[in-house]
Amino acid sequence: YIRNVKTLGIWAVGLVGGSYVEAPKVVNGTVAEFNVGYLPSRTFAVDMAGFAVNLRVVMNSTAVFGLHCKERYAPET
């Protein structure tokens, strides 16, 4: 469940990208690759509905986001 995510959680998403399901492939408790239809070569090939980040992680981070994304890698609109 989303409420049990301590840091980052990831799960399968159905009916996305022309596939019945897109999901991470997990080996020994670690995500090894992603079974996705759209640009599987992306570093984190995850649909926006397929992950959650604990808000404490976000609020305690000093990370910043740039204004420009690589073509075809921009967030979904």
C-alpha atoms as a PDB file:
ATOM      1  CA  TYR A   1       0.000   0.000   0.000  1.00  0.00           C
ATOM      2  CA  ILE A   2       1.103   3.566  -0.652  1.00  0.00           C
ATOM      3  CA  ARG A   3       0.860   4.488   3.020  1.00  0.00           C
ATOM      4  CA  ASN A   4       3.521   1.873   3.857  1.00  0.00           C
ATOM      5  CA  VAL A   5       6.171   3.431   1.580  1.00  0.00           C
ATOM      6  CA  LYS A   6       9.131   4.386   3.771  1.00  0.00           C
ATOM      7  CA  THR A   7      11.361   5.875   1.089  1.00  0.00           C
ATOM      8  CA  LEU A   8      10.343   4.934  -2.458  1.00  0.00           C
ATOM      9  CA  GLY A   9       7.817   2.398  -3.685  1.00  0.00           C
ATOM     10  CA  ILE A  10       7.205   1.070  -7.194  1.00  0.00           C
ATOM     11  CA  TRP A  11       4.544  -1.254  -8.592  1.00  0.00           C
ATOM     12  CA  ALA A  12       2.894  -2.446 -11.797  1.00  0.00           C
ATOM     13  CA  VAL A  13       0.473  -0.259 -13.758  1.00  0.00           C
ATOM     14  CA  GLY A  14      -2.250  -1.684 -15.986  1.00  0.00           C
ATOM     15  CA  LEU A  15      -3.468  -0.568 -19.407  1.00  0.00           C
ATOM     16  CA  VAL A  16      -0.672   1.897 -20.135  1.00  0.00           C
ATOM     17  CA  GLY A  17       1.505   2.605 -23.164  1.00  0.00           C
ATOM     18  CA  GLY A  18      -0.415   0.165 -25.350  1.00  0.00           C
ATOM     19  CA  SER A  19       0.366  -2.710 -22.969  1.00  0.00           C
ATOM     20  CA  TYR A  20      -1.859  -4.618 -20.603  1.00  0.00           C
ATOM     21  CA  VAL A  21       0.670  -4.076 -17.833  1.00  0.00           C
ATOM     22  CA  GLU A  22       3.987  -2.304 -17.283  1.00  0.00           C
ATOM     23  CA  ALA A  23       6.017  -3.438 -14.312  1.00  0.00           C
ATOM     24  CA  PRO A  24       9.464  -3.477 -12.771  1.00  0.00           C
ATOM     25  CA  LYS A  25      11.456  -6.718 -12.874  1.00  0.00           C
ATOM     26  CA  VAL A  26      12.754  -7.306  -9.359  1.00  0.00           C
ATOM     27  CA  VAL A  27      15.752  -9.536  -8.612  1.00  0.00           C
ATOM     28  CA  ASN A  28      16.707 -10.162  -4.974  1.00  0.00           C
ATOM     29  CA  GLY A  29      14.612  -7.215  -3.787  1.00  0.00           C
ATOM     30  CA  THR A  30      16.148  -4.749  -6.272  1.00  0.00           C
ATOM     31  CA  VAL A  31      14.654  -3.380  -9.492  1.00  0.00           C
ATOM     32  CA  ALA A  32      16.807  -4.847 -12.273  1.00  0.00           C
ATOM     33  CA  GLU A  33      14.902  -3.561 -15.315  1.00  0.00           C
ATOM     34  CA  PHE A  34      11.500  -2.383 -16.460  1.00  0.00           C
ATOM     35  CA  ASN A  35       9.014  -4.247 -18.646  1.00  0.00           C
ATOM     36  CA  VAL A  36       7.545  -1.247 -20.501  1.00  0.00           C
ATOM     37  CA  GLY A  37       6.419  -0.386 -24.010  1.00  0.00           C
ATOM     38  CA  TYR A  38       7.543   3.240 -24.240  1.00  0.00           C
ATOM     39  CA  LEU A  39      11.301   3.937 -24.326  1.00  0.00           C
ATOM     40  CA  PRO A  40      12.440   1.005 -22.188  1.00  0.00           C
ATOM     41  CA  SER A  41      16.008   2.376 -22.328  1.00  0.00           C
ATOM     42  CA  ARG A  42      15.084   5.233 -19.940  1.00  0.00           C
ATOM     43  CA  THR A  43      16.954   5.100 -16.622  1.00  0.00           C
ATOM     44  CA  PHE A  44      13.662   5.006 -14.703  1.00  0.00           C
ATOM     45  CA  ALA A  45      11.093   3.746 -17.201  1.00  0.00           C
ATOM     46  CA  VAL A  46       8.149   4.143 -14.843  1.00  0.00           C
ATOM     47  CA  ASP A  47       4.634   5.434 -15.486  1.00  0.00           C
ATOM     48  CA  MET A  48       3.675   8.333 -13.230  1.00  0.00           C
ATOM     49  CA  ALA A  49       1.026   6.131 -11.583  1.00  0.00           C
ATOM     50  CA  GLY A  50       3.562   3.428 -10.742  1.00  0.00           C
ATOM     51  CA  PHE A  51       5.569   4.930  -7.918  1.00  0.00           C
ATOM     52  CA  ALA A  52       5.391   6.861  -4.665  1.00  0.00           C
ATOM     53  CA  VAL A  53       7.963   8.845  -2.709  1.00  0.00           C
ATOM     54  CA  ASN A  54       7.621   9.448   1.007  1.00  0.00           C
ATOM     55  CA  LEU A  55       7.067  13.167   1.553  1.00  0.00           C
ATOM     56  CA  ARG A  56       9.793  13.281   4.241  1.00  0.00           C
ATOM     57  CA  VAL A  57      12.341  12.300   1.590  1.00  0.00           C
ATOM     58  CA  VAL A  58      11.191  15.146  -0.657  1.00  0.00           C
ATOM     59  CA  MET A  59      11.090  17.764   2.092  1.00  0.00           C
ATOM     60  CA  ASN A  60      14.553  16.832   3.426  1.00  0.00           C
ATOM     61  CA  SER A  61      16.190  16.864  -0.010  1.00  0.00           C
ATOM     62  CA  THR A  62      18.307  19.618  -1.528  1.00  0.00           C
ATOM     63  CA  ALA A  63      17.735  18.339  -5.076  1.00  0.00           C
ATOM     64  CA  VAL A  64      16.638  20.804  -7.725  1.00  0.00           C
ATOM     65  CA  PHE A  65      14.921  20.247 -11.050  1.00  0.00           C
ATOM     66  CA  GLY A  66      16.025  21.963 -14.251  1.00  0.00           C
ATOM     67  CA  LEU A  67      13.681  23.753 -16.601  1.00  0.00           C
ATOM     68  CA  HIS A  68      14.579  21.694 -19.660  1.00  0.00           C
ATOM     69  CA  CYS A  69      14.041  18.016 -20.367  1.00  0.00           C
ATOM     70  CA  LYS A  70      15.642  15.894 -23.016  1.00  0.00           C
ATOM     71  CA  GLU A  71      13.326  15.555 -26.020  1.00  0.00           C
ATOM     72  CA  ARG A  72      10.835  12.670 -25.619  1.00  0.00           C
ATOM     73  CA  TYR A  73      11.771  12.347 -21.944  1.00  0.00           C
ATOM     74  CA  ALA A  74       9.550  15.174 -20.685  1.00  0.00           C
ATOM     75  CA  PRO A  75       6.867  14.426 -18.093  1.00  0.00           C
ATOM     76  CA  GLU A  76       3.487  13.367 -19.395  1.00  0.00           C
ATOM     77  CA  THR A  77       0.949  16.130 -19.893  1.00  0.00           C
END
